[in-house]
Amino acid sequence: MTLDESSPADWTDNQIDESLNYSYHEMVTLITEVYEDYYIKTDTLDTIASQQEYDTDEGVPTDMFKLARVEINYDVDGDATPSRAKASEIEAVLGELANTNLGVTTNSRPIYYLFGRADNLKLGFIPVPDKAGTDAIKLWYTYTVSDMSDDDDRPDIPYEDRYARLICYGALADLLDKGQQESAAADNYLERFEVGMERMKQQLKERLADGPRGVTNTSGENPDFTEGGL
Protein backbone atom coordinates (compact mmCIF):
# COMPACT_ATOMS: atom_id res chain seq x y z
CA MET A 1 0.00 0.00 0.00
CA THR A 2 2.76 2.43 0.87
CA LEU A 3 4.76 1.83 -2.29
CA ASP A 4 1.51 2.21 -4.27
CA GLU A 5 2.31 -0.39 -6.91
CA SER A 6 -0.48 -2.77 -7.85
CA SER A 7 2.01 -4.50 -10.17
CA PRO A 8 5.82 -4.42 -10.09
CA ALA A 9 7.32 -1.34 -11.74
CA ASP A 10 10.05 0.23 -9.63
CA TRP A 11 10.40 -2.72 -7.24
CA THR A 12 10.04 -6.41 -7.91
CA ASP A 13 8.46 -8.80 -5.43
CA ASN A 14 11.90 -10.34 -4.85
CA GLN A 15 13.41 -6.95 -4.00
CA ILE A 16 10.62 -6.28 -1.52
CA ASP A 17 11.00 -9.68 0.10
CA GLU A 18 14.77 -9.19 0.29
CA SER A 19 14.45 -5.79 1.99
CA LEU A 20 11.85 -7.11 4.42
CA ASN A 21 14.15 -9.94 5.43
CA TYR A 22 17.16 -7.65 5.85
CA SER A 23 15.06 -5.55 8.20
CA TYR A 24 13.73 -8.67 9.92
CA HIS A 25 17.20 -10.04 10.65
CA GLU A 26 18.36 -6.68 12.01
CA MET A 27 15.53 -7.00 14.51
CA VAL A 28 16.48 -10.60 15.32
CA THR A 29 20.06 -9.44 15.97
CA LEU A 30 18.81 -6.77 18.39
CA ILE A 31 16.62 -9.28 20.24
CA THR A 32 19.56 -11.67 20.52
CA GLU A 33 21.73 -8.93 22.03
CA VAL A 34 19.13 -8.27 24.73
CA TYR A 35 17.76 -11.77 25.30
CA GLU A 36 19.67 -14.50 23.50
CA ASP A 37 17.70 -17.26 25.22
CA TYR A 38 14.54 -16.23 23.34
CA TYR A 39 15.89 -18.19 20.36
CA ILE A 40 16.91 -21.31 22.28
CA LYS A 41 15.34 -24.71 21.66
CA THR A 42 16.24 -28.31 22.50
CA ASP A 43 16.91 -31.49 20.59
CA THR A 44 18.05 -35.02 21.40
CA LEU A 45 20.42 -37.50 19.76
CA ASP A 46 21.07 -41.19 20.28
CA THR A 47 24.50 -42.35 21.32
CA ILE A 48 26.14 -45.07 19.25
CA ALA A 49 28.46 -47.54 20.93
CA SER A 50 32.15 -46.64 20.37
CA GLN A 51 31.27 -43.59 18.24
CA GLN A 52 32.86 -40.36 19.39
CA GLU A 53 31.69 -37.80 16.82
CA TYR A 54 28.19 -37.10 15.55
CA ASP A 55 27.08 -35.08 12.54
CA THR A 56 23.82 -34.15 10.84
CA ASP A 57 23.34 -37.76 9.69
CA GLU A 58 23.06 -38.72 13.37
CA GLY A 59 20.72 -35.83 14.12
CA VAL A 60 22.90 -32.82 14.94
CA PRO A 61 20.57 -29.89 14.12
CA THR A 62 21.22 -28.11 10.83
CA ASP A 63 19.76 -24.84 12.16
CA MET A 64 22.23 -24.54 15.03
CA PHE A 65 23.75 -21.09 15.48
CA LYS A 66 25.26 -21.45 18.96
CA LEU A 67 25.38 -24.38 21.36
CA ALA A 68 24.39 -23.32 24.88
CA ARG A 69 24.31 -26.54 26.90
CA VAL A 70 24.95 -30.27 26.39
CA GLU A 71 24.00 -33.21 28.58
CA ILE A 72 24.91 -36.84 27.94
CA ASN A 73 23.80 -40.08 29.57
CA TYR A 74 26.37 -42.87 29.19
CA ASP A 75 24.00 -45.60 30.41
CA VAL A 76 20.39 -44.92 29.55
CA ASP A 77 19.27 -48.52 30.02
CA GLY A 78 20.91 -48.60 33.43
CA ASP A 79 18.91 -45.52 34.53
CA ALA A 80 22.07 -43.49 34.96
CA THR A 81 21.77 -39.77 35.55
CA PRO A 82 22.69 -37.49 32.62
CA SER A 83 25.81 -35.40 33.10
CA ARG A 84 26.35 -31.89 31.88
CA ALA A 85 29.24 -31.90 29.42
CA LYS A 86 31.82 -29.15 29.56
CA ALA A 87 32.68 -27.28 26.36
CA SER A 88 36.24 -27.47 25.15
CA GLU A 89 38.21 -26.47 22.08
CA ILE A 90 40.03 -29.32 20.36
CA GLU A 91 43.45 -27.81 21.10
CA ALA A 92 42.58 -27.49 24.79
CA VAL A 93 42.04 -31.24 25.18
CA LEU A 94 45.05 -32.83 26.86
CA GLY A 95 46.05 -36.21 25.50
CA GLU A 96 44.18 -38.14 22.85
CA LEU A 97 40.76 -37.07 21.67
CA ALA A 98 39.66 -40.71 21.45
CA ASN A 99 40.23 -41.24 25.16
CA THR A 100 37.92 -43.95 26.47
CA ASN A 101 39.64 -44.28 29.83
CA LEU A 102 38.68 -41.05 31.54
CA GLY A 103 35.57 -42.57 33.06
CA VAL A 104 32.43 -40.73 34.01
CA THR A 105 32.31 -40.10 37.74
CA THR A 106 31.09 -37.31 39.96
CA ASN A 107 34.61 -35.90 39.82
CA SER A 108 35.09 -36.28 36.09
CA ARG A 109 32.77 -34.24 33.93
CA PRO A 110 32.48 -35.33 30.29
CA ILE A 111 33.75 -32.98 27.61
CA TYR A 112 32.21 -32.03 24.29
CA TYR A 113 33.77 -30.24 21.35
CA LEU A 114 32.24 -28.78 18.21
CA PHE A 115 33.75 -28.00 14.84
CA GLY A 116 32.70 -27.34 11.26
CA ARG A 117 29.47 -25.73 10.10
CA ALA A 118 26.18 -26.49 8.37
CA ASP A 119 26.22 -30.00 6.87
CA ASN A 120 29.85 -30.46 8.01
CA LEU A 121 29.11 -29.71 11.67
CA LYS A 122 30.43 -32.36 14.07
CA LEU A 123 29.86 -32.82 17.79
CA GLY A 124 32.33 -34.98 19.71
CA PHE A 125 32.53 -36.38 23.25
CA ILE A 126 35.23 -37.41 25.70
CA PRO A 127 34.97 -40.11 26.98
CA VAL A 128 33.66 -41.88 23.89
CA PRO A 129 30.23 -43.42 24.60
CA ASP A 130 30.62 -47.18 25.00
CA LYS A 131 26.88 -47.97 24.82
CA ALA A 132 24.00 -47.15 22.52
CA GLY A 133 21.34 -45.02 24.15
CA THR A 134 18.08 -43.57 22.86
CA ASP A 135 17.91 -39.79 23.37
CA ALA A 136 21.08 -40.05 25.44
CA ILE A 137 22.34 -36.65 24.28
CA LYS A 138 20.32 -33.48 24.87
CA LEU A 139 21.20 -30.15 23.32
CA TRP A 140 20.12 -26.63 24.14
CA TYR A 141 21.01 -24.30 21.28
CA THR A 142 20.32 -20.94 19.69
CA TYR A 143 18.80 -21.60 16.30
CA THR A 144 19.22 -19.72 13.05
CA VAL A 145 16.11 -17.70 12.24
CA SER A 146 14.91 -18.39 8.70
CA ASP A 147 13.82 -15.83 6.13
CA MET A 148 10.14 -15.16 5.65
CA SER A 149 8.92 -15.94 2.15
CA ASP A 150 5.28 -17.08 2.13
CA ASP A 151 2.21 -15.02 2.92
CA ASP A 152 1.47 -17.19 5.98
CA ASP A 153 4.97 -16.75 7.47
CA ARG A 154 5.09 -14.83 10.73
CA PRO A 155 8.09 -12.98 12.13
CA ASP A 156 9.73 -14.89 14.97
CA ILE A 157 9.90 -11.99 17.41
CA PRO A 158 8.43 -11.17 20.84
CA TYR A 159 5.38 -8.88 20.96
CA GLU A 160 4.72 -9.52 17.31
CA ASP A 161 1.51 -7.50 17.25
CA ARG A 162 3.39 -4.43 18.46
CA TYR A 163 6.66 -4.62 16.56
CA ALA A 164 6.02 -6.43 13.27
CA ARG A 165 5.32 -3.09 11.58
CA LEU A 166 8.91 -2.00 12.27
CA ILE A 167 10.08 -4.62 9.78
CA CYS A 168 8.07 -2.79 7.11
CA TYR A 169 9.54 0.58 8.14
CA GLY A 170 13.07 -0.74 7.74
CA ALA A 171 12.23 -2.27 4.37
CA LEU A 172 10.59 0.94 3.16
CA ALA A 173 13.67 2.94 4.11
CA ASP A 174 15.79 0.60 2.00
CA LEU A 175 13.41 0.44 -0.98
CA LEU A 176 12.63 4.15 -1.20
CA ASP A 177 16.32 4.96 -1.05
CA LYS A 178 17.09 2.87 -4.12
CA GLY A 179 18.09 5.24 -6.90
CA GLN A 180 17.34 8.15 -4.53
CA GLN A 181 13.71 7.96 -5.62
CA GLU A 182 12.28 9.21 -2.33
CA SER A 183 15.23 10.09 -0.12
CA ALA A 184 13.21 12.25 2.27
CA ALA A 185 10.60 9.54 2.76
CA ALA A 186 13.35 6.95 3.13
CA ASP A 187 14.97 8.99 5.91
CA ASN A 188 11.58 9.30 7.63
CA TYR A 189 10.99 5.55 7.61
CA LEU A 190 14.57 4.90 8.71
CA GLU A 191 14.03 7.14 11.72
CA ARG A 192 10.78 5.33 12.57
CA PHE A 193 12.60 2.01 12.30
CA GLU A 194 15.53 3.06 14.50
CA VAL A 195 13.35 4.73 17.14
CA GLY A 196 11.03 1.73 17.23
CA MET A 197 13.94 -0.66 17.54
CA GLU A 198 15.33 1.32 20.46
CA ARG A 199 11.93 1.25 22.18
CA MET A 200 11.70 -2.48 21.62
CA LYS A 201 15.18 -2.99 23.08
CA GLN A 202 14.29 -0.93 26.14
CA GLN A 203 11.01 -2.77 26.69
CA LEU A 204 12.72 -6.15 26.47
CA LYS A 205 15.33 -5.00 29.01
CA GLU A 206 12.60 -3.83 31.40
CA ARG A 207 10.54 -6.98 30.87
CA LEU A 208 13.53 -9.19 31.68
CA ALA A 209 14.91 -7.13 34.54
CA ASP A 210 13.07 -8.90 37.37
CA GLY A 211 11.88 -12.44 37.95
CA PRO A 212 12.27 -15.45 35.68
CA ARG A 213 13.20 -14.59 32.12
CA GLY A 214 10.48 -15.11 29.57
CA VAL A 215 8.60 -13.33 26.85
CA THR A 216 5.04 -14.15 25.80
CA ASN A 217 4.66 -14.06 22.04
CA THR A 218 1.31 -12.80 20.81
CA SER A 219 -0.37 -12.88 17.42
CA GLY A 220 0.18 -9.99 15.06
CA GLU A 221 -0.10 -8.75 11.52
CA ASN A 222 0.44 -11.08 8.60
CA PRO A 223 2.65 -9.53 5.90
CA ASP A 224 1.71 -10.85 2.45
CA PHE A 225 5.00 -11.85 0.81
CA THR A 226 3.49 -13.77 -2.08
CA GLU A 227 2.41 -10.65 -3.93
CA GLY A 228 5.01 -8.27 -2.51
CA GLY A 229 2.27 -6.77 -0.35
CA LEU A 230 4.26 -4.07 1.43
C-alpha atoms as a PDB file:
ATOM      1  CA  MET A   1       0.000   0.000   0.000  1.00  0.00           C
ATOM      2  CA  THR A   2       2.761   2.434   0.873  1.00  0.00           C
ATOM      3  CA  LEU A   3       4.764   1.829  -2.292  1.00  0.00           C
ATOM      4  CA  ASP A   4       1.514   2.209  -4.273  1.00  0.00           C
ATOM      5  CA  GLU A   5       2.311  -0.389  -6.914  1.00  0.00           C
ATOM      6  CA  SER A   6      -0.477  -2.769  -7.852  1.00  0.00           C
ATOM      7  CA  SER A   7       2.007  -4.500 -10.172  1.00  0.00           C
ATOM      8  CA  PRO A   8       5.824  -4.420 -10.090  1.00  0.00           C
ATOM      9  CA  ALA A   9       7.318  -1.335 -11.736  1.00  0.00           C
ATOM     10  CA  ASP A  10      10.055   0.233  -9.632  1.00  0.00           C
ATOM     11  CA  TRP A  11      10.401  -2.716  -7.244  1.00  0.00           C
ATOM     12  CA  THR A  12      10.035  -6.405  -7.908  1.00  0.00           C
ATOM     13  CA  ASP A  13       8.463  -8.798  -5.433  1.00  0.00           C
ATOM     14  CA  ASN A  14      11.898 -10.342  -4.846  1.00  0.00           C
ATOM     15  CA  GLN A  15      13.407  -6.946  -4.003  1.00  0.00           C
ATOM     16  CA  ILE A  16      10.621  -6.282  -1.523  1.00  0.00           C
ATOM     17  CA  ASP A  17      10.997  -9.676   0.103  1.00  0.00           C
ATOM     18  CA  GLU A  18      14.773  -9.190   0.295  1.00  0.00           C
ATOM     19  CA  SER A  19      14.450  -5.787   1.987  1.00  0.00           C
ATOM     20  CA  LEU A  20      11.854  -7.109   4.419  1.00  0.00           C
ATOM     21  CA  ASN A  21      14.148  -9.943   5.428  1.00  0.00           C
ATOM     22  CA  TYR A  22      17.160  -7.651   5.851  1.00  0.00           C
ATOM     23  CA  SER A  23      15.062  -5.552   8.201  1.00  0.00           C
ATOM     24  CA  TYR A  24      13.730  -8.666   9.923  1.00  0.00           C
ATOM     25  CA  HIS A  25      17.199 -10.038  10.648  1.00  0.00           C
ATOM     26  CA  GLU A  26      18.361  -6.681  12.007  1.00  0.00           C
ATOM     27  CA  MET A  27      15.529  -7.003  14.512  1.00  0.00           C
ATOM     28  CA  VAL A  28      16.482 -10.601  15.323  1.00  0.00           C
ATOM     29  CA  THR A  29      20.057  -9.438  15.973  1.00  0.00           C
ATOM     30  CA  LEU A  30      18.809  -6.774  18.393  1.00  0.00           C
ATOM     31  CA  ILE A  31      16.624  -9.278  20.236  1.00  0.00           C
ATOM     32  CA  THR A  32      19.561 -11.673  20.516  1.00  0.00           C
ATOM     33  CA  GLU A  33      21.732  -8.927  22.028  1.00  0.00           C
ATOM     34  CA  VAL A  34      19.135  -8.274  24.733  1.00  0.00           C
ATOM     35  CA  TYR A  35      17.762 -11.767  25.296  1.00  0.00           C
ATOM     36  CA  GLU A  36      19.669 -14.503  23.496  1.00  0.00           C
ATOM     37  CA  ASP A  37      17.699 -17.262  25.218  1.00  0.00           C
ATOM     38  CA  TYR A  38      14.538 -16.232  23.336  1.00  0.00           C
ATOM     39  CA  TYR A  39      15.888 -18.188  20.358  1.00  0.00           C
ATOM     40  CA  ILE A  40      16.915 -21.313  22.277  1.00  0.00           C
ATOM     41  CA  LYS A  41      15.343 -24.705  21.664  1.00  0.00           C
ATOM     42  CA  THR A  42      16.240 -28.310  22.504  1.00  0.00           C
ATOM     43  CA  ASP A  43      16.913 -31.486  20.590  1.00  0.00           C
ATOM     44  CA  THR A  44      18.047 -35.023  21.404  1.00  0.00           C
ATOM     45  CA  LEU A  45      20.420 -37.502  19.761  1.00  0.00           C
ATOM     46  CA  ASP A  46      21.070 -41.188  20.283  1.00  0.00           C
ATOM     47  CA  THR A  47      24.504 -42.350  21.324  1.00  0.00           C
ATOM     48  CA  ILE A  48      26.144 -45.065  19.246  1.00  0.00           C
ATOM     49  CA  ALA A  49      28.465 -47.535  20.934  1.00  0.00           C
ATOM     50  CA  SER A  50      32.153 -46.644  20.373  1.00  0.00           C
ATOM     51  CA  GLN A  51      31.273 -43.593  18.241  1.00  0.00           C
ATOM     52  CA  GLN A  52      32.861 -40.358  19.389  1.00  0.00           C
ATOM     53  CA  GLU A  53      31.692 -37.797  16.817  1.00  0.00           C
ATOM     54  CA  TYR A  54      28.187 -37.105  15.547  1.00  0.00           C
ATOM     55  CA  ASP A  55      27.084 -35.083  12.536  1.00  0.00           C
ATOM     56  CA  THR A  56      23.816 -34.150  10.844  1.00  0.00           C
ATOM     57  CA  ASP A  57      23.335 -37.759   9.687  1.00  0.00           C
ATOM     58  CA  GLU A  58      23.058 -38.716  13.369  1.00  0.00           C
ATOM     59  CA  GLY A  59      20.720 -35.826  14.124  1.00  0.00           C
ATOM     60  CA  VAL A  60      22.901 -32.818  14.935  1.00  0.00           C
ATOM     61  CA  PRO A  61      20.565 -29.890  14.122  1.00  0.00           C
ATOM     62  CA  THR A  62      21.225 -28.108  10.833  1.00  0.00           C
ATOM     63  CA  ASP A  63      19.756 -24.843  12.157  1.00  0.00           C
ATOM     64  CA  MET A  64      22.229 -24.543  15.033  1.00  0.00           C
ATOM     65  CA  PHE A  65      23.755 -21.091  15.478  1.00  0.00           C
ATOM     66  CA  LYS A  66      25.262 -21.454  18.961  1.00  0.00           C
ATOM     67  CA  LEU A  67      25.379 -24.375  21.362  1.00  0.00           C
ATOM     68  CA  ALA A  68      24.387 -23.317  24.876  1.00  0.00           C
ATOM     69  CA  ARG A  69      24.307 -26.539  26.903  1.00  0.00           C
ATOM     70  CA  VAL A  70      24.948 -30.265  26.386  1.00  0.00           C
ATOM     71  CA  GLU A  71      24.000 -33.208  28.585  1.00  0.00           C
ATOM     72  CA  ILE A  72      24.914 -36.842  27.939  1.00  0.00           C
ATOM     73  CA  ASN A  73      23.795 -40.077  29.566  1.00  0.00           C
ATOM     74  CA  TYR A  74      26.369 -42.868  29.189  1.00  0.00           C
ATOM     75  CA  ASP A  75      24.004 -45.601  30.412  1.00  0.00           C
ATOM     76  CA  VAL A  76      20.389 -44.919  29.551  1.00  0.00           C
ATOM     77  CA  ASP A  77      19.269 -48.518  30.022  1.00  0.00           C
ATOM     78  CA  GLY A  78      20.909 -48.602  33.434  1.00  0.00           C
ATOM     79  CA  ASP A  79      18.911 -45.524  34.529  1.00  0.00           C
ATOM     80  CA  ALA A  80      22.072 -43.488  34.958  1.00  0.00           C
ATOM     81  CA  THR A  81      21.771 -39.767  35.553  1.00  0.00           C
ATOM     82  CA  PRO A  82      22.686 -37.491  32.619  1.00  0.00           C
ATOM     83  CA  SER A  83      25.808 -35.404  33.103  1.00  0.00           C
ATOM     84  CA  ARG A  84      26.352 -31.889  31.883  1.00  0.00           C
ATOM     85  CA  ALA A  85      29.239 -31.905  29.417  1.00  0.00           C
ATOM     86  CA  LYS A  86      31.815 -29.147  29.559  1.00  0.00           C
ATOM     87  CA  ALA A  87      32.676 -27.284  26.357  1.00  0.00           C
ATOM     88  CA  SER A  88      36.245 -27.471  25.148  1.00  0.00           C
ATOM     89  CA  GLU A  89      38.209 -26.471  22.082  1.00  0.00           C
ATOM     90  CA  ILE A  90      40.029 -29.321  20.364  1.00  0.00           C
ATOM     91  CA  GLU A  91      43.448 -27.810  21.105  1.00  0.00           C
ATOM     92  CA  ALA A  92      42.581 -27.490  24.790  1.00  0.00           C
ATOM     93  CA  VAL A  93      42.043 -31.242  25.183  1.00  0.00           C
ATOM     94  CA  LEU A  94      45.055 -32.828  26.861  1.00  0.00           C
ATOM     95  CA  GLY A  95      46.055 -36.205  25.500  1.00  0.00           C
ATOM     96  CA  GLU A  96      44.180 -38.135  22.849  1.00  0.00           C
ATOM     97  CA  LEU A  97      40.756 -37.069  21.667  1.00  0.00           C
ATOM     98  CA  ALA A  98      39.662 -40.705  21.452  1.00  0.00           C
ATOM     99  CA  ASN A  99      40.232 -41.236  25.160  1.00  0.00           C
ATOM    100  CA  THR A 100      37.919 -43.950  26.467  1.00  0.00           C
ATOM    101  CA  ASN A 101      39.639 -44.283  29.825  1.00  0.00           C
ATOM    102  CA  LEU A 102      38.675 -41.053  31.544  1.00  0.00           C
ATOM    103  CA  GLY A 103      35.572 -42.573  33.055  1.00  0.00           C
ATOM    104  CA  VAL A 104      32.428 -40.728  34.011  1.00  0.00           C
ATOM    105  CA  THR A 105      32.308 -40.097  37.740  1.00  0.00           C
ATOM    106  CA  THR A 106      31.089 -37.311  39.960  1.00  0.00           C
ATOM    107  CA  ASN A 107      34.610 -35.902  39.821  1.00  0.00           C
ATOM    108  CA  SER A 108      35.088 -36.275  36.086  1.00  0.00           C
ATOM    109  CA  ARG A 109      32.767 -34.237  33.927  1.00  0.00           C
ATOM    110  CA  PRO A 110      32.476 -35.332  30.286  1.00  0.00           C
ATOM    111  CA  ILE A 111      33.747 -32.979  27.614  1.00  0.00           C
ATOM    112  CA  TYR A 112      32.209 -32.028  24.294  1.00  0.00           C
ATOM    113  CA  TYR A 113      33.773 -30.243  21.349  1.00  0.00           C
ATOM    114  CA  LEU A 114      32.235 -28.778  18.212  1.00  0.00           C
ATOM    115  CA  PHE A 115      33.753 -27.996  14.838  1.00  0.00           C
ATOM    116  CA  GLY A 116      32.695 -27.337  11.259  1.00  0.00           C
ATOM    117  CA  ARG A 117      29.473 -25.729  10.097  1.00  0.00           C
ATOM    118  CA  ALA A 118      26.182 -26.494   8.373  1.00  0.00           C
ATOM    119  CA  ASP A 119      26.221 -30.002   6.873  1.00  0.00           C
ATOM    120  CA  ASN A 120      29.849 -30.460   8.006  1.00  0.00           C
ATOM    121  CA  LEU A 121      29.109 -29.711  11.665  1.00  0.00           C
ATOM    122  CA  LYS A 122      30.431 -32.363  14.067  1.00  0.00           C
ATOM    123  CA  LEU A 123      29.859 -32.821  17.791  1.00  0.00           C
ATOM    124  CA  GLY A 124      32.333 -34.984  19.706  1.00  0.00           C
ATOM    125  CA  PHE A 125      32.530 -36.383  23.246  1.00  0.00           C
ATOM    126  CA  ILE A 126      35.227 -37.410  25.701  1.00  0.00           C
ATOM    127  CA  PRO A 127      34.968 -40.110  26.978  1.00  0.00           C
ATOM    128  CA  VAL A 128      33.657 -41.882  23.895  1.00  0.00           C
ATOM    129  CA  PRO A 129      30.227 -43.423  24.597  1.00  0.00           C
ATOM    130  CA  ASP A 130      30.615 -47.184  25.002  1.00  0.00           C
ATOM    131  CA  LYS A 131      26.879 -47.968  24.824  1.00  0.00           C
ATOM    132  CA  ALA A 132      24.001 -47.150  22.523  1.00  0.00           C
ATOM    133  CA  GLY A 133      21.341 -45.023  24.154  1.00  0.00           C
ATOM    134  CA  THR A 134      18.083 -43.565  22.865  1.00  0.00           C
ATOM    135  CA  ASP A 135      17.912 -39.786  23.372  1.00  0.00           C
ATOM    136  CA  ALA A 136      21.079 -40.053  25.444  1.00  0.00           C
ATOM    137  CA  ILE A 137      22.340 -36.645  24.276  1.00  0.00           C
ATOM    138  CA  LYS A 138      20.319 -33.484  24.870  1.00  0.00           C
ATOM    139  CA  LEU A 139      21.204 -30.148  23.319  1.00  0.00           C
ATOM    140  CA  TRP A 140      20.119 -26.629  24.139  1.00  0.00           C
ATOM    141  CA  TYR A 141      21.012 -24.298  21.284  1.00  0.00           C
ATOM    142  CA  THR A 142      20.322 -20.942  19.694  1.00  0.00           C
ATOM    143  CA  TYR A 143      18.805 -21.601  16.304  1.00  0.00           C
ATOM    144  CA  THR A 144      19.224 -19.720  13.048  1.00  0.00           C
ATOM    145  CA  VAL A 145      16.115 -17.701  12.243  1.00  0.00           C
ATOM    146  CA  SER A 146      14.908 -18.388   8.703  1.00  0.00           C
ATOM    147  CA  ASP A 147      13.822 -15.825   6.130  1.00  0.00           C
ATOM    148  CA  MET A 148      10.139 -15.158   5.647  1.00  0.00           C
ATOM    149  CA  SER A 149       8.925 -15.943   2.148  1.00  0.00           C
ATOM    150  CA  ASP A 150       5.283 -17.079   2.133  1.00  0.00           C
ATOM    151  CA  ASP A 151       2.210 -15.023   2.924  1.00  0.00           C
ATOM    152  CA  ASP A 152       1.471 -17.192   5.975  1.00  0.00           C
ATOM    153  CA  ASP A 153       4.972 -16.748   7.471  1.00  0.00           C
ATOM    154  CA  ARG A 154       5.092 -14.828  10.731  1.00  0.00           C
ATOM    155  CA  PRO A 155       8.094 -12.977  12.132  1.00  0.00           C
ATOM    156  CA  ASP A 156       9.728 -14.889  14.966  1.00  0.00           C
ATOM    157  CA  ILE A 157       9.901 -11.985  17.409  1.00  0.00           C
ATOM    158  CA  PRO A 158       8.431 -11.173  20.839  1.00  0.00           C
ATOM    159  CA  TYR A 159       5.378  -8.877  20.965  1.00  0.00           C
ATOM    160  CA  GLU A 160       4.723  -9.521  17.308  1.00  0.00           C
ATOM    161  CA  ASP A 161       1.506  -7.496  17.254  1.00  0.00           C
ATOM    162  CA  ARG A 162       3.393  -4.428  18.458  1.00  0.00           C
ATOM    163  CA  TYR A 163       6.663  -4.620  16.557  1.00  0.00           C
ATOM    164  CA  ALA A 164       6.023  -6.435  13.268  1.00  0.00           C
ATOM    165  CA  ARG A 165       5.319  -3.086  11.583  1.00  0.00           C
ATOM    166  CA  LEU A 166       8.906  -1.997  12.270  1.00  0.00           C
ATOM    167  CA  ILE A 167      10.077  -4.619   9.784  1.00  0.00           C
ATOM    168  CA  CYS A 168       8.072  -2.787   7.112  1.00  0.00           C
ATOM    169  CA  TYR A 169       9.536   0.581   8.141  1.00  0.00           C
ATOM    170  CA  GLY A 170      13.068  -0.743   7.744  1.00  0.00           C
ATOM    171  CA  ALA A 171      12.233  -2.268   4.367  1.00  0.00           C
ATOM    172  CA  LEU A 172      10.586   0.942   3.164  1.00  0.00           C
ATOM    173  CA  ALA A 173      13.670   2.940   4.112  1.00  0.00           C
ATOM    174  CA  ASP A 174      15.787   0.601   2.003  1.00  0.00           C
ATOM    175  CA  LEU A 175      13.412   0.436  -0.978  1.00  0.00           C
ATOM    176  CA  LEU A 176      12.629   4.148  -1.195  1.00  0.00           C
ATOM    177  CA  ASP A 177      16.320   4.962  -1.052  1.00  0.00           C
ATOM    178  CA  LYS A 178      17.094   2.865  -4.120  1.00  0.00           C
ATOM    179  CA  GLY A 179      18.090   5.237  -6.898  1.00  0.00           C
ATOM    180  CA  GLN A 180      17.344   8.149  -4.531  1.00  0.00           C
ATOM    181  CA  GLN A 181      13.707   7.960  -5.618  1.00  0.00           C
ATOM    182  CA  GLU A 182      12.280   9.210  -2.330  1.00  0.00           C
ATOM    183  CA  SER A 183      15.234  10.088  -0.122  1.00  0.00           C
ATOM    184  CA  ALA A 184      13.207  12.249   2.274  1.00  0.00           C
ATOM    185  CA  ALA A 185      10.596   9.537   2.761  1.00  0.00           C
ATOM    186  CA  ALA A 186      13.351   6.946   3.127  1.00  0.00           C
ATOM    187  CA  ASP A 187      14.965   8.991   5.912  1.00  0.00           C
ATOM    188  CA  ASN A 188      11.579   9.297   7.625  1.00  0.00           C
ATOM    189  CA  TYR A 189      10.989   5.551   7.614  1.00  0.00           C
ATOM    190  CA  LEU A 190      14.566   4.896   8.706  1.00  0.00           C
ATOM    191  CA  GLU A 191      14.025   7.141  11.724  1.00  0.00           C
ATOM    192  CA  ARG A 192      10.781   5.327  12.567  1.00  0.00           C
ATOM    193  CA  PHE A 193      12.603   2.014  12.299  1.00  0.00           C
ATOM    194  CA  GLU A 194      15.529   3.061  14.500  1.00  0.00           C
ATOM    195  CA  VAL A 195      13.354   4.732  17.142  1.00  0.00           C
ATOM    196  CA  GLY A 196      11.027   1.731  17.226  1.00  0.00           C
ATOM    197  CA  MET A 197      13.939  -0.662  17.544  1.00  0.00           C
ATOM    198  CA  GLU A 198      15.333   1.316  20.462  1.00  0.00           C
ATOM    199  CA  ARG A 199      11.929   1.247  22.182  1.00  0.00           C
ATOM    200  CA  MET A 200      11.695  -2.476  21.617  1.00  0.00           C
ATOM    201  CA  LYS A 201      15.176  -2.988  23.077  1.00  0.00           C
ATOM    202  CA  GLN A 202      14.285  -0.930  26.137  1.00  0.00           C
ATOM    203  CA  GLN A 203      11.015  -2.770  26.692  1.00  0.00           C
ATOM    204  CA  LEU A 204      12.723  -6.148  26.474  1.00  0.00           C
ATOM    205  CA  LYS A 205      15.325  -5.005  29.011  1.00  0.00           C
ATOM    206  CA  GLU A 206      12.604  -3.828  31.396  1.00  0.00           C
ATOM    207  CA  ARG A 207      10.545  -6.976  30.873  1.00  0.00           C
ATOM    208  CA  LEU A 208      13.527  -9.187  31.678  1.00  0.00           C
ATOM    209  CA  ALA A 209      14.909  -7.126  34.544  1.00  0.00           C
ATOM    210  CA  ASP A 210      13.067  -8.903  37.373  1.00  0.00           C
ATOM    211  CA  GLY A 211      11.875 -12.441  37.953  1.00  0.00           C
ATOM    212  CA  PRO A 212      12.265 -15.455  35.675  1.00  0.00           C
ATOM    213  CA  ARG A 213      13.201 -14.589  32.124  1.00  0.00           C
ATOM    214  CA  GLY A 214      10.481 -15.110  29.566  1.00  0.00           C
ATOM    215  CA  VAL A 215       8.596 -13.334  26.846  1.00  0.00           C
ATOM    216  CA  THR A 216       5.042 -14.145  25.800  1.00  0.00           C
ATOM    217  CA  ASN A 217       4.659 -14.057  22.041  1.00  0.00           C
ATOM    218  CA  THR A 218       1.309 -12.804  20.808  1.00  0.00           C
ATOM    219  CA  SER A 219      -0.366 -12.880  17.421  1.00  0.00           C
ATOM    220  CA  GLY A 220       0.175  -9.992  15.061  1.00  0.00           C
ATOM    221  CA  GLU A 221      -0.102  -8.750  11.523  1.00  0.00           C
ATOM    222  CA  ASN A 222       0.439 -11.076   8.604  1.00  0.00           C
ATOM    223  CA  PRO A 223       2.652  -9.533   5.900  1.00  0.00           C
ATOM    224  CA  ASP A 224       1.709 -10.846   2.452  1.00  0.00           C
ATOM    225  CA  PHE A 225       4.998 -11.846   0.811  1.00  0.00           C
ATOM    226  CA  THR A 226       3.493 -13.775  -2.080  1.00  0.00           C
ATOM    227  CA  GLU A 227       2.414 -10.653  -3.934  1.00  0.00           C
ATOM    228  CA  GLY A 228       5.011  -8.267  -2.506  1.00  0.00           C
ATOM    229  CA  GLY A 229       2.268  -6.769  -0.350  1.00  0.00           C
ATOM    230  CA  LEU A 230       4.259  -4.071   1.435  1.00  0.00           C
END
